Amino acid sequence: IGSLLVTIPLAFYYNFANAFLNEVGMENAAGKMTFGQMSEIVFMVLMPFFFARLGVKKMLLIGMLAWVARYVLFALGDNDSLVWMFYGGILLHGICYDFFFVTGQIYVDEKADEEVRASAQGFIALVTYGVGILIGAQISGQVVQHYALVDGGHDWAPIWYAPAVMAAVVVVLFALLFKDEGKESPEGAATAQAVG
């Protein structure tokens, strides 16, 4: 449920970050967004270090909090003296993706019985990249259209605050309801090492 809910605000980034950065005047926005993929590689390498020290629940929470921070940075930044906020939001992609999605995959792999492990991974992919992104695409499209301006631009601050609030609500619910049953098993730790 947490994975489903948190991928709804994720659709705002996937669908509109590039359009946003281009609209506010960032040159070569697509090229600069590749910093997010570079960040993802760095944090993938660091995953075993964080996984061993933080555990599943904290990793997932940090990943979700990074999404909140990313959207707030986009809402508050500009393409002038506060352009660093845009870069910060882009660079958070490594934490956003690795700490949530990769950790979630490790957790599912650890908890699911061997005979249903592949089905469990397929189900979590369907829930997140299927249902969650589909719902998020519909909501994000409506929000962006609602804040469209007559000159063809958009009032981006409230657009980015919308997914920030959504993700923050999911963080609170997840923190209260998710029960991490003890430390990771040696098998889970080995999986984390393999991913890293």
N, C-alpha and C. Protein backbone atom coordinates (compact mmCIF):
# COMPACT_ATOMS: atom_id res chain seq x y z
N ILE A 1 0.84 -1.20 0.00
CA ILE A 1 0.00 0.00 0.00
C ILE A 1 0.87 1.25 0.00
N GLY A 2 1.94 1.21 0.82
CA GLY A 2 2.85 2.35 0.85
C GLY A 2 3.51 2.59 -0.49
N SER A 3 3.93 1.50 -1.15
CA SER A 3 4.55 1.62 -2.47
C SER A 3 3.58 2.20 -3.48
N LEU A 4 2.35 1.74 -3.42
CA LEU A 4 1.33 2.26 -4.34
C LEU A 4 1.11 3.75 -4.12
N LEU A 5 0.92 4.13 -2.88
CA LEU A 5 0.59 5.53 -2.58
C LEU A 5 1.74 6.48 -2.89
N VAL A 6 2.97 6.05 -2.62
CA VAL A 6 4.08 6.98 -2.80
C VAL A 6 4.47 7.14 -4.27
N THR A 7 4.11 6.18 -5.12
CA THR A 7 4.42 6.36 -6.54
C THR A 7 3.42 7.28 -7.24
N ILE A 8 2.33 7.61 -6.58
CA ILE A 8 1.39 8.58 -7.16
C ILE A 8 2.05 9.96 -7.28
N PRO A 9 2.63 10.51 -6.20
CA PRO A 9 3.34 11.79 -6.38
C PRO A 9 4.60 11.67 -7.23
N LEU A 10 5.19 10.48 -7.31
CA LEU A 10 6.37 10.29 -8.14
C LEU A 10 6.09 10.65 -9.59
N ALA A 11 4.86 10.41 -10.04
CA ALA A 11 4.50 10.69 -11.44
C ALA A 11 4.68 12.16 -11.79
N PHE A 12 4.58 13.05 -10.82
CA PHE A 12 4.80 14.48 -11.09
C PHE A 12 6.21 14.69 -11.63
N TYR A 13 7.18 14.03 -11.01
CA TYR A 13 8.57 14.19 -11.45
C TYR A 13 8.78 13.56 -12.81
N TYR A 14 8.35 12.32 -12.97
CA TYR A 14 8.55 11.62 -14.23
C TYR A 14 7.90 12.34 -15.41
N ASN A 15 6.72 12.87 -15.18
CA ASN A 15 5.96 13.46 -16.29
C ASN A 15 6.27 14.93 -16.56
N PHE A 16 6.66 15.68 -15.52
CA PHE A 16 6.71 17.13 -15.71
C PHE A 16 8.01 17.82 -15.31
N ALA A 17 8.98 17.11 -14.77
CA ALA A 17 10.22 17.79 -14.35
C ALA A 17 10.93 18.42 -15.53
N ASN A 18 11.03 17.69 -16.63
CA ASN A 18 11.73 18.24 -17.79
C ASN A 18 11.01 19.45 -18.36
N ALA A 19 9.68 19.35 -18.47
CA ALA A 19 8.90 20.48 -18.97
C ALA A 19 9.05 21.69 -18.05
N PHE A 20 9.05 21.45 -16.74
CA PHE A 20 9.21 22.51 -15.76
C PHE A 20 10.56 23.21 -15.92
N LEU A 21 11.63 22.43 -15.97
CA LEU A 21 12.97 23.03 -16.05
C LEU A 21 13.15 23.80 -17.35
N ASN A 22 12.59 23.30 -18.43
CA ASN A 22 12.66 24.04 -19.69
C ASN A 22 11.85 25.32 -19.62
N GLU A 23 10.68 25.25 -19.00
CA GLU A 23 9.80 26.42 -18.94
C GLU A 23 10.39 27.53 -18.10
N VAL A 24 11.12 27.17 -17.04
CA VAL A 24 11.71 28.21 -16.18
C VAL A 24 13.04 28.71 -16.73
N GLY A 25 13.49 28.15 -17.86
CA GLY A 25 14.65 28.70 -18.55
C GLY A 25 15.97 27.99 -18.34
N MET A 26 15.97 26.81 -17.75
CA MET A 26 17.23 26.08 -17.58
C MET A 26 17.71 25.57 -18.94
N GLU A 27 18.96 25.90 -19.29
CA GLU A 27 19.52 25.45 -20.55
C GLU A 27 19.90 23.97 -20.46
N ASN A 28 19.65 23.25 -21.54
CA ASN A 28 19.97 21.83 -21.62
C ASN A 28 19.41 21.06 -20.42
N ALA A 29 18.12 21.27 -20.16
CA ALA A 29 17.50 20.64 -18.99
C ALA A 29 17.61 19.13 -19.02
N ALA A 30 17.40 18.53 -20.19
CA ALA A 30 17.47 17.07 -20.28
C ALA A 30 18.85 16.56 -19.92
N GLY A 31 19.89 17.26 -20.39
CA GLY A 31 21.25 16.88 -20.06
C GLY A 31 21.53 16.99 -18.57
N LYS A 32 21.02 18.05 -17.97
CA LYS A 32 21.26 18.25 -16.54
C LYS A 32 20.47 17.26 -15.69
N MET A 33 19.36 16.78 -16.22
CA MET A 33 18.60 15.77 -15.49
C MET A 33 19.33 14.44 -15.42
N THR A 34 20.32 14.23 -16.29
CA THR A 34 21.11 12.99 -16.21
C THR A 34 21.95 12.95 -14.93
N PHE A 35 22.13 14.11 -14.27
CA PHE A 35 22.80 14.09 -12.97
C PHE A 35 22.05 13.19 -11.99
N GLY A 36 20.73 13.09 -12.18
CA GLY A 36 19.92 12.22 -11.34
C GLY A 36 20.31 10.77 -11.50
N GLN A 37 20.55 10.34 -12.75
CA GLN A 37 20.98 8.96 -13.00
C GLN A 37 22.38 8.71 -12.44
N MET A 38 23.25 9.72 -12.55
CA MET A 38 24.59 9.59 -11.97
C MET A 38 24.51 9.42 -10.46
N SER A 39 23.63 10.21 -9.85
CA SER A 39 23.40 10.10 -8.41
C SER A 39 22.88 8.72 -8.05
N GLU A 40 22.02 8.18 -8.90
CA GLU A 40 21.47 6.85 -8.67
C GLU A 40 22.57 5.80 -8.64
N ILE A 41 23.53 5.91 -9.53
CA ILE A 41 24.65 4.95 -9.57
C ILE A 41 25.49 5.06 -8.30
N VAL A 42 25.77 6.29 -7.87
CA VAL A 42 26.57 6.49 -6.66
C VAL A 42 25.88 5.85 -5.45
N PHE A 43 24.59 6.12 -5.29
CA PHE A 43 23.88 5.59 -4.13
C PHE A 43 23.65 4.08 -4.24
N MET A 44 23.61 3.56 -5.44
CA MET A 44 23.52 2.10 -5.61
C MET A 44 24.77 1.44 -5.04
N VAL A 45 25.92 2.04 -5.30
CA VAL A 45 27.18 1.51 -4.77
C VAL A 45 27.21 1.60 -3.24
N LEU A 46 26.63 2.68 -2.70
CA LEU A 46 26.64 2.90 -1.25
C LEU A 46 25.53 2.15 -0.51
N MET A 47 24.62 1.53 -1.25
CA MET A 47 23.46 0.87 -0.63
C MET A 47 23.83 -0.12 0.48
N PRO A 48 24.79 -1.03 0.27
CA PRO A 48 25.09 -1.99 1.35
C PRO A 48 25.52 -1.31 2.64
N PHE A 49 26.28 -0.21 2.53
CA PHE A 49 26.72 0.54 3.71
C PHE A 49 25.52 1.07 4.49
N PHE A 50 24.60 1.73 3.79
CA PHE A 50 23.43 2.30 4.45
C PHE A 50 22.47 1.22 4.94
N PHE A 51 22.31 0.17 4.13
CA PHE A 51 21.37 -0.91 4.47
C PHE A 51 21.76 -1.57 5.78
N ALA A 52 23.06 -1.83 5.95
CA ALA A 52 23.54 -2.51 7.15
C ALA A 52 23.37 -1.64 8.40
N ARG A 53 23.42 -0.33 8.23
CA ARG A 53 23.36 0.56 9.39
C ARG A 53 21.96 1.10 9.71
N LEU A 54 21.12 1.17 8.70
CA LEU A 54 19.82 1.79 8.90
C LEU A 54 18.67 0.78 8.97
N GLY A 55 18.75 -0.30 8.21
CA GLY A 55 17.64 -1.25 8.16
C GLY A 55 16.58 -0.79 7.17
N VAL A 56 15.61 -1.67 6.96
CA VAL A 56 14.61 -1.47 5.92
C VAL A 56 13.74 -0.24 6.16
N LYS A 57 13.16 -0.12 7.34
CA LYS A 57 12.18 0.95 7.57
C LYS A 57 12.81 2.33 7.42
N LYS A 58 13.99 2.54 8.00
CA LYS A 58 14.63 3.85 7.89
C LYS A 58 15.05 4.15 6.46
N MET A 59 15.52 3.13 5.74
CA MET A 59 15.89 3.34 4.34
C MET A 59 14.67 3.79 3.52
N LEU A 60 13.56 3.10 3.71
CA LEU A 60 12.34 3.45 2.98
C LEU A 60 11.86 4.86 3.34
N LEU A 61 11.91 5.20 4.62
CA LEU A 61 11.48 6.53 5.06
C LEU A 61 12.38 7.62 4.49
N ILE A 62 13.69 7.38 4.49
CA ILE A 62 14.61 8.37 3.93
C ILE A 62 14.33 8.57 2.45
N GLY A 63 14.07 7.47 1.74
CA GLY A 63 13.74 7.57 0.32
C GLY A 63 12.50 8.41 0.09
N MET A 64 11.47 8.18 0.90
CA MET A 64 10.23 8.95 0.73
C MET A 64 10.42 10.42 1.14
N LEU A 65 11.17 10.66 2.20
CA LEU A 65 11.44 12.03 2.62
C LEU A 65 12.23 12.79 1.56
N ALA A 66 13.10 12.07 0.84
CA ALA A 66 13.85 12.72 -0.24
C ALA A 66 12.90 13.20 -1.33
N TRP A 67 11.81 12.46 -1.56
CA TRP A 67 10.83 12.93 -2.55
C TRP A 67 10.14 14.20 -2.08
N VAL A 68 9.81 14.25 -0.81
CA VAL A 68 9.21 15.48 -0.26
C VAL A 68 10.19 16.65 -0.45
N ALA A 69 11.45 16.43 -0.08
CA ALA A 69 12.46 17.48 -0.19
C ALA A 69 12.64 17.92 -1.64
N ARG A 70 12.65 16.96 -2.57
CA ARG A 70 12.82 17.28 -3.99
C ARG A 70 11.72 18.22 -4.47
N TYR A 71 10.48 17.93 -4.13
CA TYR A 71 9.37 18.76 -4.61
C TYR A 71 9.39 20.13 -3.97
N VAL A 72 9.77 20.21 -2.71
CA VAL A 72 9.87 21.51 -2.04
C VAL A 72 10.98 22.34 -2.68
N LEU A 73 12.11 21.71 -2.99
CA LEU A 73 13.19 22.43 -3.67
C LEU A 73 12.74 22.97 -5.02
N PHE A 74 12.00 22.17 -5.77
CA PHE A 74 11.49 22.64 -7.06
C PHE A 74 10.52 23.80 -6.88
N ALA A 75 9.71 23.73 -5.83
CA ALA A 75 8.71 24.78 -5.60
C ALA A 75 9.37 26.10 -5.20
N LEU A 76 10.46 26.03 -4.44
CA LEU A 76 11.08 27.24 -3.90
C LEU A 76 12.19 27.81 -4.78
N GLY A 77 12.76 26.98 -5.65
CA GLY A 77 13.92 27.41 -6.43
C GLY A 77 13.55 28.33 -7.58
N ASP A 78 14.60 28.87 -8.21
CA ASP A 78 14.43 29.64 -9.44
C ASP A 78 15.67 29.42 -10.31
N ASN A 79 15.64 29.94 -11.50
CA ASN A 79 16.76 29.73 -12.41
C ASN A 79 17.81 30.83 -12.31
N ASP A 80 17.85 31.46 -11.12
CA ASP A 80 18.82 32.54 -10.90
C ASP A 80 19.65 32.20 -9.66
N SER A 81 19.48 32.96 -8.60
CA SER A 81 20.31 32.74 -7.41
C SER A 81 19.95 31.45 -6.67
N LEU A 82 18.75 30.94 -6.89
CA LEU A 82 18.31 29.72 -6.21
C LEU A 82 18.32 28.51 -7.14
N VAL A 83 19.10 28.57 -8.22
CA VAL A 83 19.14 27.45 -9.16
C VAL A 83 19.71 26.19 -8.51
N TRP A 84 20.51 26.38 -7.44
CA TRP A 84 21.06 25.22 -6.72
C TRP A 84 19.94 24.33 -6.20
N MET A 85 18.77 24.89 -5.92
CA MET A 85 17.65 24.08 -5.46
C MET A 85 17.19 23.12 -6.56
N PHE A 86 17.21 23.58 -7.80
CA PHE A 86 16.85 22.69 -8.90
C PHE A 86 17.85 21.55 -9.02
N TYR A 87 19.14 21.88 -8.91
CA TYR A 87 20.16 20.84 -8.98
C TYR A 87 20.04 19.88 -7.79
N GLY A 88 19.72 20.43 -6.63
CA GLY A 88 19.52 19.58 -5.46
C GLY A 88 18.37 18.61 -5.66
N GLY A 89 17.27 19.12 -6.22
CA GLY A 89 16.13 18.25 -6.49
C GLY A 89 16.46 17.15 -7.48
N ILE A 90 17.27 17.48 -8.49
CA ILE A 90 17.68 16.47 -9.48
C ILE A 90 18.60 15.44 -8.83
N LEU A 91 19.57 15.90 -8.05
CA LEU A 91 20.55 14.99 -7.45
C LEU A 91 19.93 14.08 -6.38
N LEU A 92 18.80 14.48 -5.85
CA LEU A 92 18.12 13.62 -4.87
C LEU A 92 17.55 12.35 -5.50
N HIS A 93 17.59 12.26 -6.83
CA HIS A 93 17.02 11.10 -7.49
C HIS A 93 17.65 9.79 -7.01
N GLY A 94 18.95 9.82 -6.75
CA GLY A 94 19.62 8.60 -6.28
C GLY A 94 19.03 8.09 -4.99
N ILE A 95 18.81 8.99 -4.04
CA ILE A 95 18.21 8.60 -2.76
C ILE A 95 16.75 8.22 -2.97
N CYS A 96 16.04 9.02 -3.74
CA CYS A 96 14.62 8.75 -3.99
C CYS A 96 14.42 7.35 -4.56
N TYR A 97 15.21 7.02 -5.56
CA TYR A 97 15.01 5.73 -6.24
C TYR A 97 15.62 4.57 -5.45
N ASP A 98 16.91 4.68 -5.14
CA ASP A 98 17.60 3.55 -4.52
C ASP A 98 17.07 3.23 -3.13
N PHE A 99 16.88 4.26 -2.30
CA PHE A 99 16.46 4.00 -0.93
C PHE A 99 15.04 3.47 -0.86
N PHE A 100 14.21 3.81 -1.83
CA PHE A 100 12.85 3.29 -1.78
C PHE A 100 12.67 2.05 -2.64
N PHE A 101 12.91 2.17 -3.93
CA PHE A 101 12.61 1.05 -4.83
C PHE A 101 13.55 -0.13 -4.63
N VAL A 102 14.85 0.13 -4.57
CA VAL A 102 15.80 -0.98 -4.43
C VAL A 102 15.64 -1.64 -3.06
N THR A 103 15.49 -0.82 -2.02
CA THR A 103 15.27 -1.38 -0.69
C THR A 103 13.98 -2.18 -0.64
N GLY A 104 12.94 -1.65 -1.28
CA GLY A 104 11.67 -2.38 -1.33
C GLY A 104 11.80 -3.72 -2.01
N GLN A 105 12.59 -3.76 -3.10
CA GLN A 105 12.80 -5.03 -3.80
C GLN A 105 13.57 -6.02 -2.94
N ILE A 106 14.56 -5.52 -2.22
CA ILE A 106 15.32 -6.38 -1.32
C ILE A 106 14.41 -6.93 -0.22
N TYR A 107 13.57 -6.06 0.32
CA TYR A 107 12.66 -6.47 1.39
C TYR A 107 11.69 -7.54 0.91
N VAL A 108 11.11 -7.33 -0.27
CA VAL A 108 10.18 -8.32 -0.83
C VAL A 108 10.90 -9.63 -1.06
N ASP A 109 12.12 -9.57 -1.59
CA ASP A 109 12.91 -10.77 -1.87
C ASP A 109 13.21 -11.53 -0.59
N GLU A 110 13.43 -10.79 0.49
CA GLU A 110 13.76 -11.41 1.77
C GLU A 110 12.53 -12.04 2.44
N LYS A 111 11.40 -11.37 2.33
CA LYS A 111 10.20 -11.82 3.06
C LYS A 111 9.39 -12.88 2.32
N ALA A 112 9.44 -12.86 0.99
CA ALA A 112 8.62 -13.79 0.22
C ALA A 112 9.23 -15.19 0.23
N ASP A 113 8.40 -16.21 0.33
CA ASP A 113 8.88 -17.58 0.21
C ASP A 113 9.45 -17.80 -1.19
N GLU A 114 10.39 -18.72 -1.28
CA GLU A 114 11.11 -18.91 -2.54
C GLU A 114 10.18 -19.22 -3.71
N GLU A 115 9.13 -20.00 -3.44
CA GLU A 115 8.26 -20.41 -4.55
C GLU A 115 7.39 -19.27 -5.08
N VAL A 116 7.23 -18.20 -4.31
CA VAL A 116 6.42 -17.07 -4.78
C VAL A 116 7.24 -15.79 -4.95
N ARG A 117 8.55 -15.90 -4.81
CA ARG A 117 9.41 -14.71 -4.84
C ARG A 117 9.29 -13.94 -6.15
N ALA A 118 9.34 -14.64 -7.28
CA ALA A 118 9.24 -13.97 -8.58
C ALA A 118 7.88 -13.31 -8.74
N SER A 119 6.83 -13.98 -8.28
CA SER A 119 5.48 -13.40 -8.36
C SER A 119 5.37 -12.17 -7.47
N ALA A 120 6.00 -12.22 -6.30
CA ALA A 120 5.96 -11.07 -5.39
C ALA A 120 6.66 -9.87 -6.01
N GLN A 121 7.81 -10.10 -6.65
CA GLN A 121 8.53 -9.01 -7.30
C GLN A 121 7.70 -8.45 -8.46
N GLY A 122 7.06 -9.35 -9.21
CA GLY A 122 6.20 -8.89 -10.30
C GLY A 122 5.02 -8.08 -9.80
N PHE A 123 4.47 -8.51 -8.67
CA PHE A 123 3.32 -7.80 -8.10
C PHE A 123 3.72 -6.40 -7.64
N ILE A 124 4.87 -6.27 -6.97
CA ILE A 124 5.29 -4.95 -6.48
C ILE A 124 5.60 -4.03 -7.66
N ALA A 125 6.13 -4.60 -8.75
CA ALA A 125 6.37 -3.79 -9.96
C ALA A 125 5.05 -3.32 -10.57
N LEU A 126 4.06 -4.21 -10.59
CA LEU A 126 2.74 -3.84 -11.12
C LEU A 126 2.10 -2.75 -10.28
N VAL A 127 2.19 -2.88 -8.96
CA VAL A 127 1.58 -1.91 -8.06
C VAL A 127 2.23 -0.53 -8.20
N THR A 128 3.57 -0.51 -8.31
CA THR A 128 4.27 0.77 -8.34
C THR A 128 4.31 1.36 -9.74
N TYR A 129 4.97 0.68 -10.65
CA TYR A 129 5.14 1.23 -12.00
C TYR A 129 3.91 1.07 -12.88
N GLY A 130 2.95 0.31 -12.41
CA GLY A 130 1.70 0.17 -13.15
C GLY A 130 0.61 1.04 -12.57
N VAL A 131 -0.01 0.55 -11.50
CA VAL A 131 -1.17 1.23 -10.91
C VAL A 131 -0.80 2.60 -10.34
N GLY A 132 0.27 2.67 -9.54
CA GLY A 132 0.64 3.93 -8.90
C GLY A 132 0.96 5.02 -9.89
N ILE A 133 1.79 4.69 -10.88
CA ILE A 133 2.16 5.67 -11.90
C ILE A 133 0.96 6.07 -12.75
N LEU A 134 0.07 5.11 -13.03
CA LEU A 134 -1.13 5.43 -13.80
C LEU A 134 -2.01 6.43 -13.06
N ILE A 135 -2.27 6.17 -11.79
CA ILE A 135 -3.07 7.11 -10.99
C ILE A 135 -2.36 8.46 -10.90
N GLY A 136 -1.05 8.40 -10.65
CA GLY A 136 -0.27 9.63 -10.54
C GLY A 136 -0.28 10.45 -11.82
N ALA A 137 -0.24 9.77 -12.96
CA ALA A 137 -0.26 10.49 -14.24
C ALA A 137 -1.57 11.25 -14.41
N GLN A 138 -2.67 10.62 -14.00
CA GLN A 138 -3.97 11.29 -14.10
C GLN A 138 -4.03 12.51 -13.16
N ILE A 139 -3.61 12.31 -11.92
CA ILE A 139 -3.67 13.40 -10.94
C ILE A 139 -2.73 14.53 -11.32
N SER A 140 -1.47 14.19 -11.68
CA SER A 140 -0.49 15.22 -12.00
C SER A 140 -0.93 16.02 -13.22
N GLY A 141 -1.51 15.35 -14.21
CA GLY A 141 -2.00 16.05 -15.39
C GLY A 141 -3.07 17.06 -15.06
N GLN A 142 -3.98 16.66 -14.16
CA GLN A 142 -5.06 17.57 -13.77
C GLN A 142 -4.53 18.76 -12.97
N VAL A 143 -3.56 18.49 -12.08
CA VAL A 143 -2.99 19.57 -11.27
C VAL A 143 -2.25 20.56 -12.17
N VAL A 144 -1.43 20.05 -13.08
CA VAL A 144 -0.68 20.93 -13.97
C VAL A 144 -1.63 21.74 -14.85
N GLN A 145 -2.67 21.12 -15.34
CA GLN A 145 -3.65 21.84 -16.16
C GLN A 145 -4.37 22.92 -15.34
N HIS A 146 -4.65 22.61 -14.07
CA HIS A 146 -5.35 23.57 -13.21
C HIS A 146 -4.52 24.84 -13.00
N TYR A 147 -3.19 24.69 -12.95
CA TYR A 147 -2.32 25.84 -12.70
C TYR A 147 -1.68 26.38 -13.98
N ALA A 148 -2.28 26.07 -15.12
CA ALA A 148 -1.81 26.64 -16.38
C ALA A 148 -2.18 28.12 -16.45
N LEU A 149 -1.29 28.93 -17.00
CA LEU A 149 -1.51 30.36 -17.12
C LEU A 149 -1.93 30.72 -18.55
N VAL A 150 -2.54 31.88 -18.69
CA VAL A 150 -3.05 32.28 -20.00
C VAL A 150 -1.94 32.46 -21.03
N ASP A 151 -0.71 32.75 -20.57
CA ASP A 151 0.39 32.96 -21.51
C ASP A 151 1.03 31.65 -21.96
N GLY A 152 0.47 30.54 -21.52
CA GLY A 152 1.01 29.23 -21.90
C GLY A 152 1.95 28.64 -20.87
N GLY A 153 2.33 29.41 -19.86
CA GLY A 153 3.19 28.91 -18.79
C GLY A 153 2.38 28.27 -17.68
N HIS A 154 3.02 28.09 -16.54
CA HIS A 154 2.35 27.47 -15.40
C HIS A 154 2.81 28.13 -14.10
N ASP A 155 1.97 28.08 -13.11
CA ASP A 155 2.32 28.52 -11.75
C ASP A 155 2.89 27.28 -11.05
N TRP A 156 4.21 27.11 -11.14
CA TRP A 156 4.82 25.84 -10.76
C TRP A 156 4.89 25.59 -9.26
N ALA A 157 4.97 26.62 -8.44
CA ALA A 157 5.11 26.39 -7.00
C ALA A 157 3.98 25.53 -6.43
N PRO A 158 2.70 25.88 -6.66
CA PRO A 158 1.64 25.01 -6.12
C PRO A 158 1.59 23.64 -6.79
N ILE A 159 2.06 23.57 -8.04
CA ILE A 159 2.11 22.26 -8.70
C ILE A 159 3.05 21.34 -7.94
N TRP A 160 4.23 21.84 -7.53
CA TRP A 160 5.20 20.99 -6.81
C TRP A 160 4.82 20.78 -5.35
N TYR A 161 4.09 21.73 -4.77
CA TYR A 161 3.65 21.52 -3.38
C TYR A 161 2.64 20.37 -3.30
N ALA A 162 1.87 20.16 -4.35
CA ALA A 162 0.86 19.08 -4.33
C ALA A 162 1.50 17.71 -4.10
N PRO A 163 2.51 17.29 -4.89
CA PRO A 163 3.12 15.99 -4.61
C PRO A 163 3.94 15.99 -3.32
N ALA A 164 4.47 17.16 -2.92
CA ALA A 164 5.20 17.22 -1.65
C ALA A 164 4.28 16.87 -0.49
N VAL A 165 3.07 17.43 -0.50
CA VAL A 165 2.10 17.14 0.56
C VAL A 165 1.66 15.68 0.49
N MET A 166 1.40 15.18 -0.72
CA MET A 166 1.00 13.77 -0.87
C MET A 166 2.06 12.84 -0.30
N ALA A 167 3.31 13.07 -0.69
CA ALA A 167 4.40 12.22 -0.22
C ALA A 167 4.59 12.34 1.29
N ALA A 168 4.42 13.55 1.83
CA ALA A 168 4.57 13.75 3.28
C ALA A 168 3.51 12.97 4.06
N VAL A 169 2.29 12.95 3.55
CA VAL A 169 1.22 12.18 4.20
C VAL A 169 1.56 10.69 4.19
N VAL A 170 2.09 10.20 3.07
CA VAL A 170 2.46 8.79 2.98
C VAL A 170 3.60 8.48 3.96
N VAL A 171 4.55 9.41 4.09
CA VAL A 171 5.66 9.22 5.03
C VAL A 171 5.13 9.02 6.45
N VAL A 172 4.21 9.88 6.85
CA VAL A 172 3.65 9.79 8.21
C VAL A 172 2.92 8.48 8.40
N LEU A 173 2.07 8.11 7.44
CA LEU A 173 1.32 6.85 7.54
C LEU A 173 2.26 5.66 7.57
N PHE A 174 3.28 5.69 6.72
CA PHE A 174 4.23 4.59 6.66
C PHE A 174 5.01 4.48 7.96
N ALA A 175 5.44 5.61 8.50
CA ALA A 175 6.20 5.60 9.76
C ALA A 175 5.37 5.01 10.89
N LEU A 176 4.08 5.29 10.89
CA LEU A 176 3.21 4.80 11.97
C LEU A 176 2.80 3.34 11.78
N LEU A 177 2.64 2.90 10.54
CA LEU A 177 2.01 1.60 10.30
C LEU A 177 2.97 0.48 9.90
N PHE A 178 4.12 0.81 9.32
CA PHE A 178 5.02 -0.24 8.85
C PHE A 178 5.79 -0.83 10.02
N LYS A 179 5.75 -2.14 10.13
CA LYS A 179 6.46 -2.85 11.19
C LYS A 179 7.62 -3.61 10.59
N ASP A 180 8.84 -3.19 10.93
CA ASP A 180 10.04 -3.87 10.47
C ASP A 180 10.39 -4.93 11.50
N GLU A 181 10.17 -6.18 11.14
CA GLU A 181 10.31 -7.26 12.10
C GLU A 181 11.76 -7.68 12.26
N GLY A 182 12.45 -6.99 13.15
CA GLY A 182 13.81 -7.38 13.47
C GLY A 182 14.80 -6.98 12.39
N LYS A 183 16.04 -7.43 12.59
CA LYS A 183 17.10 -7.11 11.66
C LYS A 183 17.01 -7.99 10.43
N GLU A 184 17.68 -7.54 9.37
CA GLU A 184 17.67 -8.31 8.14
C GLU A 184 18.38 -9.64 8.34
N SER A 185 17.88 -10.63 7.64
CA SER A 185 18.51 -11.95 7.71
C SER A 185 19.82 -11.93 6.95
N PRO A 186 20.70 -12.94 7.17
CA PRO A 186 21.93 -13.00 6.38
C PRO A 186 21.65 -13.05 4.89
N GLU A 187 20.56 -13.73 4.52
CA GLU A 187 20.18 -13.80 3.10
C GLU A 187 19.86 -12.41 2.57
N GLY A 188 19.15 -11.62 3.37
CA GLY A 188 18.81 -10.26 2.96
C GLY A 188 20.04 -9.39 2.84
N ALA A 189 20.97 -9.56 3.80
CA ALA A 189 22.22 -8.80 3.74
C ALA A 189 23.01 -9.17 2.51
N ALA A 190 23.02 -10.47 2.17
CA ALA A 190 23.72 -10.92 0.97
C ALA A 190 23.09 -10.32 -0.27
N THR A 191 21.76 -10.23 -0.27
CA THR A 191 21.07 -9.62 -1.41
C THR A 191 21.46 -8.16 -1.53
N ALA A 192 21.55 -7.47 -0.40
CA ALA A 192 21.93 -6.07 -0.41
C ALA A 192 23.35 -5.91 -0.98
N GLN A 193 24.25 -6.83 -0.59
CA GLN A 193 25.61 -6.78 -1.11
C GLN A 193 25.60 -7.00 -2.62
N ALA A 194 24.77 -7.93 -3.08
CA ALA A 194 24.71 -8.23 -4.51
C ALA A 194 24.19 -7.05 -5.30
N VAL A 195 23.18 -6.36 -4.74
CA VAL A 195 22.63 -5.18 -5.42
C VAL A 195 23.68 -4.10 -5.50
N GLY A 196 24.45 -3.91 -4.38
CA GLY A 196 25.48 -2.88 -4.36
C GLY A 196 26.59 -3.22 -5.31
